Amino acid sequence: MKAIKTRHLVILTLAFSSVVSAQQLPQFTQYMYNTISVNPAYAGSRGTLNLTALHRNQWAGLEGNPQTTTVSVHTPLRNDRIGLGISYINDHLGFESTNYVYGDFSYSLLFSKESKLSFGLKAGFTNYQLENPDTNDPFFDSNFNNWSPNVGAGIYYTTKRWYVGFSSPRMLTTDLNKGEFQALERNSYYAIGGFVVDISPNIKFKPTVLSKFTNGAPSSFDVTANFLFLEKLWLGVSYRFNDSDNFGALIDFQVSKDIRIGYSYDIPRGDLKPYSSGTHEIILIYELAFKKKGPAKSPRYF
């Protein structure tokens, strides 16, 4: 009974702190496959119609734990200079839920067949919901459901072997609650980068990094090292530097020409370790290549 009460207290504290402080975009262990969620300039960069679905079950075993689901679609237009996309994210924690519905536009400057610089814009709405299941709760005497507009921007440079990007997916500071408690959506800044090197004819090494800075919240740094075997199987490890450092492992498999599936696991640490079995994340990617005349494009690693 004491353990159950402790679990409730932990999740209540986490949820309450997020209500009265900065609302942040969800973090993903497999961020390198979900770049469009934070950088609109990524739209169309795959050169194909890309559909990505991801579900993250954070701190599994803890009642009311954070759970995030995201679905995105983006594609280049026929001239390869313009990319369009749309994404949806649902982030649920305890008695609060945040929904993000945003469209993406990118325009690219082509320097060669293998390199380009893209500029992106993101615009849409953030929906914040706070539901109080206990009408006698002295802290919350009502429910909230509010939509707020926001905009973002980013740049993204990619070549066959390396890439780098900078973005601010939410540029406006908005009170999503507009009620008794503040739930500020503050502007965040992201920097992402990575490269690929050949270790042998059948093995490639791809390290990546993602840094995040949010006004009024701790910064975080994700470092990931992936190995690609036979252009089919990715195996990797990740580490996140912040107030609650996390170590994780990743696996990604190219099921067919069009379909990839991936899974990651983060080991729980700190105060949550006794109550959680860890964080699980699964991703499904479907890509339909456009049929074009001429030689086939080289594999894209970003």
Protein backbone atom coordinates (compact mmCIF):
# COMPACT_ATOMS: atom_id res chain seq x y z
CA MET A 1 0.00 0.00 0.00
CA LYS A 2 2.85 2.38 0.82
CA ALA A 3 4.46 1.69 -2.58
CA ILE A 4 1.17 2.42 -4.36
CA LYS A 5 0.79 5.72 -2.53
CA THR A 6 4.38 6.62 -3.37
CA ARG A 7 3.76 5.96 -7.07
CA HIS A 8 0.71 8.20 -7.01
CA LEU A 9 2.66 10.90 -5.19
CA VAL A 10 5.52 10.77 -7.72
CA ILE A 11 3.25 11.12 -10.77
CA LEU A 12 1.11 13.79 -9.07
CA THR A 13 4.24 15.82 -8.32
CA LEU A 14 5.46 15.48 -11.92
CA ALA A 15 2.11 16.44 -13.40
CA PHE A 16 1.60 19.38 -11.04
CA SER A 17 5.09 20.73 -11.77
CA SER A 18 4.43 20.65 -15.50
CA VAL A 19 1.19 22.58 -15.02
CA VAL A 20 2.78 25.46 -13.14
CA SER A 21 5.99 25.62 -15.18
CA ALA A 22 7.08 25.45 -18.81
CA GLN A 23 5.29 23.12 -21.18
CA GLN A 24 7.93 21.39 -23.29
CA LEU A 25 7.79 19.36 -26.47
CA PRO A 26 8.15 15.61 -25.84
CA GLN A 27 11.62 14.08 -26.09
CA PHE A 28 12.28 10.96 -28.14
CA THR A 29 15.12 8.45 -27.98
CA GLN A 30 14.73 7.83 -31.73
CA TYR A 31 14.84 11.55 -32.53
CA MET A 32 17.05 10.95 -35.60
CA TYR A 33 14.12 9.27 -37.37
CA ASN A 34 11.55 11.87 -36.27
CA THR A 35 13.34 15.12 -37.09
CA ILE A 36 10.29 16.81 -38.61
CA SER A 37 8.68 17.02 -35.17
CA VAL A 38 11.20 19.74 -34.22
CA ASN A 39 12.52 21.08 -37.56
CA PRO A 40 10.16 22.06 -40.41
CA ALA A 41 13.08 22.35 -42.86
CA TYR A 42 13.26 18.53 -42.78
CA ALA A 43 9.99 18.30 -44.75
CA GLY A 44 10.59 16.53 -48.06
CA SER A 45 14.26 15.86 -47.31
CA ARG A 46 13.90 12.10 -47.67
CA GLY A 47 13.12 12.49 -51.36
CA THR A 48 10.04 10.29 -50.95
CA LEU A 49 6.61 10.30 -49.39
CA ASN A 50 7.39 9.54 -45.75
CA LEU A 51 4.93 8.37 -43.10
CA THR A 52 6.27 8.00 -39.56
CA ALA A 53 4.35 6.77 -36.52
CA LEU A 54 5.91 6.61 -33.06
CA HIS A 55 4.66 5.68 -29.59
CA ARG A 56 6.61 6.31 -26.39
CA ASN A 57 5.65 4.74 -23.06
CA GLN A 58 7.80 6.56 -20.51
CA TRP A 59 8.41 5.20 -17.03
CA ALA A 60 6.29 2.09 -17.68
CA GLY A 61 4.64 0.67 -14.57
CA LEU A 62 4.01 4.05 -12.99
CA GLU A 63 0.31 4.89 -12.95
CA GLY A 64 -0.46 8.00 -14.99
CA ASN A 65 3.00 7.86 -16.61
CA PRO A 66 3.82 10.02 -19.65
CA GLN A 67 2.73 8.50 -22.94
CA THR A 68 3.34 10.13 -26.31
CA THR A 69 2.05 9.25 -29.76
CA THR A 70 3.08 11.08 -32.92
CA VAL A 71 2.18 10.67 -36.59
CA SER A 72 3.73 12.70 -39.40
CA VAL A 73 3.57 12.75 -43.19
CA HIS A 74 5.87 14.77 -45.43
CA THR A 75 6.88 14.73 -49.06
CA PRO A 76 8.79 16.74 -51.64
CA LEU A 77 7.00 18.20 -54.61
CA ARG A 78 8.08 17.25 -58.11
CA ASN A 79 10.76 19.91 -58.42
CA ASP A 80 12.48 18.69 -55.21
CA ARG A 81 12.79 22.26 -53.95
CA ILE A 82 9.55 22.46 -51.99
CA GLY A 83 8.56 20.10 -49.18
CA LEU A 84 5.21 19.86 -47.42
CA GLY A 85 4.28 18.03 -44.26
CA ILE A 86 1.80 17.70 -41.44
CA SER A 87 2.31 16.24 -37.97
CA TYR A 88 0.23 15.36 -34.94
CA ILE A 89 1.55 14.74 -31.42
CA ASN A 90 -0.45 13.65 -28.38
CA ASP A 91 1.40 13.94 -25.08
CA HIS A 92 -0.43 12.60 -22.02
CA LEU A 93 0.71 12.87 -18.40
CA GLY A 94 -1.56 12.11 -15.46
CA PHE A 95 -4.60 14.37 -15.67
CA GLU A 96 -3.21 16.63 -18.42
CA SER A 97 -3.02 16.11 -22.16
CA THR A 98 -1.40 18.25 -24.86
CA ASN A 99 -2.13 17.91 -28.58
CA TYR A 100 0.00 19.49 -31.30
CA VAL A 101 -1.33 19.82 -34.86
CA TYR A 102 1.15 21.54 -37.17
CA GLY A 103 1.85 21.93 -40.86
CA ASP A 104 5.35 22.21 -42.33
CA PHE A 105 6.75 23.97 -45.40
CA SER A 106 10.34 23.86 -46.66
CA TYR A 107 12.23 25.40 -49.55
CA SER A 108 15.63 24.02 -50.59
CA LEU A 109 18.65 25.41 -52.38
CA LEU A 110 20.31 22.56 -54.29
CA PHE A 111 24.11 22.81 -54.35
CA SER A 112 24.71 19.41 -55.95
CA LYS A 113 23.02 16.04 -56.36
CA GLU A 114 24.11 15.13 -52.83
CA SER A 115 23.82 18.38 -50.85
CA LYS A 116 21.22 21.04 -50.21
CA LEU A 117 20.28 23.76 -47.73
CA SER A 118 16.65 23.91 -46.65
CA PHE A 119 14.64 26.61 -44.91
CA GLY A 120 11.43 25.68 -43.13
CA LEU A 121 8.33 27.18 -41.54
CA LYS A 122 5.96 25.48 -39.10
CA ALA A 123 2.49 26.71 -38.12
CA GLY A 124 -0.44 25.23 -36.29
CA PHE A 125 -2.20 24.88 -32.96
CA THR A 126 -1.46 23.47 -29.52
CA ASN A 127 -4.39 22.10 -27.53
CA TYR A 128 -4.02 21.87 -23.75
CA GLN A 129 -6.48 19.84 -21.68
CA LEU A 130 -6.57 19.50 -17.91
CA GLU A 131 -9.20 17.16 -16.47
CA ASN A 132 -9.96 16.96 -12.77
CA PRO A 133 -11.49 13.57 -11.87
CA ASP A 134 -12.03 14.66 -8.26
CA THR A 135 -14.59 17.45 -7.89
CA ASN A 136 -13.53 17.87 -4.25
CA ASP A 137 -9.89 18.50 -5.17
CA PRO A 138 -8.83 21.73 -3.40
CA PHE A 139 -6.17 22.49 -6.03
CA PHE A 140 -8.26 22.25 -9.22
CA ASP A 141 -11.90 23.29 -9.18
CA SER A 142 -12.50 23.15 -12.95
CA ASN A 143 -11.39 21.54 -16.23
CA PHE A 144 -9.54 23.27 -19.06
CA ASN A 145 -9.56 22.76 -22.82
CA ASN A 146 -7.85 25.48 -24.81
CA TRP A 147 -6.38 25.88 -28.33
CA SER A 148 -3.51 28.30 -28.96
CA PRO A 149 -1.73 29.09 -32.26
CA ASN A 150 2.03 29.02 -32.63
CA VAL A 151 4.71 29.17 -35.31
CA GLY A 152 8.22 27.83 -35.79
CA ALA A 153 11.16 27.96 -38.18
CA GLY A 154 14.31 26.01 -38.98
CA ILE A 155 17.22 25.42 -41.33
CA TYR A 156 18.67 22.06 -42.38
CA TYR A 157 21.78 21.26 -44.40
CA THR A 158 22.36 17.74 -45.61
CA THR A 159 24.86 15.85 -47.76
CA LYS A 160 25.28 12.19 -48.53
CA ARG A 161 27.45 11.69 -45.43
CA TRP A 162 26.57 14.34 -42.85
CA TYR A 163 23.88 16.80 -41.80
CA VAL A 164 23.23 19.65 -39.38
CA GLY A 165 20.10 21.58 -38.45
CA PHE A 166 18.92 24.41 -36.21
CA SER A 167 15.31 25.19 -35.35
CA SER A 168 12.77 26.73 -33.02
CA PRO A 169 9.52 24.77 -33.47
CA ARG A 170 7.59 26.99 -31.03
CA MET A 171 8.61 30.64 -31.26
CA LEU A 172 5.77 32.20 -29.26
CA THR A 173 5.43 32.08 -25.48
CA THR A 174 1.78 31.25 -24.81
CA ASP A 175 -0.23 30.49 -21.68
CA LEU A 176 -2.02 27.32 -22.80
CA ASN A 177 -4.16 27.22 -19.67
CA LYS A 178 -5.44 30.82 -19.47
CA GLY A 179 -6.89 29.90 -16.11
CA GLU A 180 -5.97 29.50 -12.46
CA PHE A 181 -2.56 27.92 -13.15
CA GLN A 182 0.00 28.86 -15.75
CA ALA A 183 0.96 26.31 -18.40
CA LEU A 184 3.43 28.28 -20.48
CA GLU A 185 4.48 26.98 -23.88
CA ARG A 186 7.90 28.61 -24.07
CA ASN A 187 10.06 28.96 -27.13
CA SER A 188 12.58 26.12 -27.54
CA TYR A 189 15.73 25.87 -29.63
CA TYR A 190 17.12 22.69 -31.15
CA ALA A 191 20.43 21.80 -32.77
CA ILE A 192 20.84 18.43 -34.46
CA GLY A 193 23.65 16.82 -36.40
CA GLY A 194 25.25 13.57 -37.45
CA PHE A 195 27.44 11.79 -39.97
CA VAL A 196 28.09 8.35 -41.49
CA VAL A 197 31.43 6.62 -42.00
CA ASP A 198 32.27 3.21 -43.49
CA ILE A 199 33.91 0.76 -41.11
CA SER A 200 33.86 -2.06 -43.67
CA PRO A 201 31.95 -2.83 -46.90
CA ASN A 202 29.05 -4.17 -44.79
CA ILE A 203 29.21 -2.01 -41.66
CA LYS A 204 28.61 1.73 -41.24
CA PHE A 205 28.86 3.90 -38.14
CA LYS A 206 26.45 6.80 -37.61
CA PRO A 207 26.79 9.01 -34.52
CA THR A 208 24.18 11.74 -33.96
CA VAL A 209 23.55 14.46 -31.41
CA LEU A 210 20.53 16.55 -30.43
CA SER A 211 20.65 19.52 -28.07
CA LYS A 212 17.60 21.29 -26.71
CA PHE A 213 17.33 24.64 -24.95
CA THR A 214 14.03 25.89 -23.50
CA ASN A 215 13.56 29.20 -21.72
CA GLY A 216 12.72 28.46 -18.10
CA ALA A 217 13.64 24.76 -18.25
CA PRO A 218 16.82 22.65 -18.03
CA SER A 219 18.72 22.05 -21.27
CA SER A 220 19.32 18.51 -22.52
CA PHE A 221 21.82 16.79 -24.81
CA ASP A 222 21.24 13.45 -26.55
CA VAL A 223 24.20 11.52 -27.96
CA THR A 224 23.57 8.38 -30.00
CA ALA A 225 25.88 5.88 -31.69
CA ASN A 226 24.36 3.57 -34.33
CA PHE A 227 25.91 0.79 -36.41
CA LEU A 228 24.34 -0.28 -39.72
CA PHE A 229 24.86 -3.86 -40.87
CA LEU A 230 24.27 -4.91 -44.52
CA GLU A 231 22.06 -1.85 -45.12
CA LYS A 232 19.35 -3.66 -43.13
CA LEU A 233 19.93 -3.67 -39.39
CA TRP A 234 20.70 -0.71 -37.12
CA LEU A 235 22.00 -1.33 -33.58
CA GLY A 236 22.87 1.51 -31.25
CA VAL A 237 23.12 3.06 -27.80
CA SER A 238 22.10 6.49 -26.56
CA TYR A 239 22.72 8.75 -23.58
CA ARG A 240 20.85 11.88 -22.51
CA PHE A 241 22.60 14.48 -20.38
CA ASN A 242 20.24 16.46 -18.16
CA ASP A 243 18.90 16.45 -14.61
CA SER A 244 17.84 12.80 -15.02
CA ASP A 245 20.52 11.23 -17.21
CA ASN A 246 19.24 8.31 -19.27
CA PHE A 247 20.98 5.41 -20.96
CA GLY A 248 19.19 3.59 -23.80
CA ALA A 249 19.57 0.96 -26.52
CA LEU A 250 18.09 1.02 -30.05
CA ILE A 251 17.36 -1.48 -32.79
CA ASP A 252 15.99 -0.68 -36.24
CA PHE A 253 15.28 -3.10 -39.09
CA GLN A 254 14.51 -2.54 -42.78
CA VAL A 255 11.66 -5.02 -43.18
CA SER A 256 11.20 -4.31 -46.89
CA LYS A 257 12.06 -1.66 -49.44
CA ASP A 258 9.29 0.57 -48.09
CA ILE A 259 8.94 -0.38 -44.41
CA ARG A 260 11.22 0.08 -41.38
CA ILE A 261 10.46 -0.68 -37.76
CA GLY A 262 12.45 0.33 -34.70
CA TYR A 263 12.45 -0.08 -30.94
CA SER A 264 14.32 1.64 -28.12
CA TYR A 265 14.56 1.04 -24.38
CA ASP A 266 15.69 3.54 -21.75
CA ILE A 267 16.88 2.28 -18.37
CA PRO A 268 15.18 4.00 -15.40
CA ARG A 269 17.42 5.89 -12.99
CA GLY A 270 17.16 7.99 -9.86
CA ASP A 271 14.00 8.16 -7.74
CA LEU A 272 11.88 6.46 -10.41
CA LYS A 273 13.99 3.30 -10.61
CA PRO A 274 12.09 1.33 -7.91
CA TYR A 275 8.71 2.06 -9.52
CA SER A 276 9.33 1.83 -13.28
CA SER A 277 10.42 -0.94 -15.65
CA GLY A 278 11.88 1.63 -18.04
CA THR A 279 10.86 3.59 -21.10
CA HIS A 280 9.75 1.84 -24.28
CA GLU A 281 9.54 3.45 -27.70
CA ILE A 282 8.47 1.91 -31.00
CA ILE A 283 8.58 3.53 -34.43
CA LEU A 284 7.18 2.54 -37.81
CA ILE A 285 8.35 4.23 -41.02
CA TYR A 286 6.76 3.79 -44.43
CA GLU A 287 8.37 5.37 -47.48
CA LEU A 288 7.12 5.21 -51.04
CA ALA A 289 9.79 6.19 -53.54
CA PHE A 290 8.70 8.22 -56.55
CA LYS A 291 9.34 6.46 -59.82
CA LYS A 292 11.79 8.53 -61.83
CA LYS A 293 13.82 7.92 -64.92
CA GLY A 294 17.57 7.54 -64.59
CA PRO A 295 19.78 5.76 -62.04
CA ALA A 296 18.47 4.95 -58.59
CA LYS A 297 19.35 7.31 -55.77
CA SER A 298 21.95 6.25 -53.22
CA PRO A 299 20.63 5.20 -49.79
CA ARG A 300 19.69 8.06 -47.47
CA TYR A 301 20.92 7.78 -43.89
CA PHE A 302 19.26 10.93 -42.52
